[in-house]
Amino acid sequence: MNELTYPVVITPLTADDGGGFAATVPDLPGCMSDGDTPEEALRNVREAIDAWIEMARELGHGIPEPTHTPLRAVG
């Protein structure tokens, strides 16, 4: 995993959305993943962060520094 640490927001998904949990990375627009449990969503979003950063580098885009906002549980 990349040396940068980004805040991740994990929220429960409704049954209409397939259940489980969504994990989003506010500092990286469009970077998200999901999983059946919060832990799985977090593991999966770590891979999404790596892929997001790799694609940004390939495209020559800047990579935002992670914010240091206190995290809180949602849901």
Protein backbone atom coordinates (compact mmCIF):
# COMPACT_ATOMS: atom_id res chain seq x y z
CA MET A 1 0.00 0.00 0.00
CA ASN A 2 1.05 3.56 -0.66
CA GLU A 3 2.94 5.38 2.08
CA LEU A 4 0.20 8.04 2.29
CA THR A 5 -2.68 7.52 4.70
CA TYR A 6 -6.08 8.81 3.64
CA PRO A 7 -9.21 9.09 5.78
CA VAL A 8 -11.87 6.57 4.80
CA VAL A 9 -15.61 6.89 5.46
CA ILE A 10 -17.49 3.61 5.86
CA THR A 11 -21.28 3.64 5.69
CA PRO A 12 -23.86 0.87 5.67
CA LEU A 13 -25.64 0.19 2.39
CA THR A 14 -29.38 -0.34 2.29
CA ALA A 15 -30.87 -3.66 1.25
CA ASP A 16 -31.98 -1.94 -1.99
CA ASP A 17 -28.32 -1.13 -2.66
CA GLY A 18 -27.27 -4.73 -2.03
CA GLY A 19 -26.46 -4.50 1.68
CA GLY A 20 -22.98 -4.52 3.13
CA PHE A 21 -20.85 -1.42 3.54
CA ALA A 22 -19.46 1.29 1.27
CA ALA A 23 -16.00 2.78 1.82
CA THR A 24 -15.21 6.15 0.26
CA VAL A 25 -12.07 8.29 0.29
CA PRO A 26 -13.10 11.98 0.39
CA ASP A 27 -9.60 13.19 -0.55
CA LEU A 28 -9.59 11.12 -3.77
CA PRO A 29 -12.66 11.94 -5.89
CA GLY A 30 -14.42 8.81 -7.10
CA CYS A 31 -12.27 6.47 -5.02
CA MET A 32 -14.55 3.94 -3.35
CA SER A 33 -15.19 0.28 -2.75
CA ASP A 34 -17.50 -1.94 -0.75
CA GLY A 35 -17.66 -5.17 1.20
CA ASP A 36 -19.94 -7.41 3.22
CA THR A 37 -18.43 -6.13 6.48
CA PRO A 38 -16.78 -2.83 7.45
CA GLU A 39 -13.45 -4.65 7.66
CA GLU A 40 -13.82 -6.08 4.16
CA ALA A 41 -14.83 -2.68 2.78
CA LEU A 42 -11.69 -1.18 4.35
CA ARG A 43 -9.45 -3.91 2.87
CA ASN A 44 -11.03 -3.40 -0.54
CA VAL A 45 -10.76 0.39 -0.49
CA ARG A 46 -7.03 0.12 0.25
CA GLU A 47 -6.67 -1.56 -3.15
CA ALA A 48 -8.84 1.17 -4.70
CA ILE A 49 -6.56 3.86 -3.19
CA ASP A 50 -3.50 2.21 -4.74
CA ALA A 51 -5.25 1.94 -8.12
CA TRP A 52 -6.43 5.58 -7.94
CA ILE A 53 -2.92 6.84 -7.19
CA GLU A 54 -1.36 4.67 -9.89
CA MET A 55 -3.82 5.96 -12.51
CA ALA A 56 -3.28 9.58 -11.43
CA ARG A 57 0.48 9.12 -11.85
CA GLU A 58 0.05 7.50 -15.28
CA LEU A 59 -2.11 10.43 -16.38
CA GLY A 60 0.31 12.98 -14.96
CA HIS A 61 -2.21 14.28 -12.43
CA GLY A 62 -1.29 15.54 -8.98
CA ILE A 63 -1.95 13.36 -5.97
CA PRO A 64 -3.62 15.19 -3.09
CA GLU A 65 -2.07 15.07 0.35
CA PRO A 66 -4.29 13.29 2.86
CA THR A 67 -6.31 15.51 5.15
CA HIS A 68 -6.08 14.99 8.85
CA THR A 69 -9.75 15.31 9.69
CA PRO A 70 -10.86 13.36 12.75
CA LEU A 71 -12.77 10.25 11.69
CA ARG A 72 -16.21 9.37 12.97
CA ALA A 73 -18.57 6.45 12.57
CA VAL A 74 -21.52 6.99 10.24
CA GLY A 75 -24.73 5.03 10.33
